[in-house]
Amino acid sequence: MQDEEIVRMANQIAQFFAVYPEDDAVEGIREHLVKFWPPSMRKDLLVVVNGLLPSAVPLHPLVIKAAAQLRPTGRDDG
């Protein structure tokens, strides 16, 4: 999947949770990524978050915080 598409989707999730208190929003985003995104998509997101693949679309700050709580392999399920 293209990095801009990953960023767009992650930012949409962040926009939904942005009305919640920050800690709840970050946890909600993380939970959504773990429940509904396959490990390959989470791994692609982490590549963008860590700056290994620059994106023309900036990541929402809540996405960055939530992604920091994901395992580097993208395998958080279980």
Foldseek 3Di string as FASTA:
>chain_A
DDLQVLQVVLQVLLVVLVVDPLVVSLVSSLVCCQPPPALVSLLSPVCCLVPVDDDPDDHDPSSNSNNVPADNSSNPYD
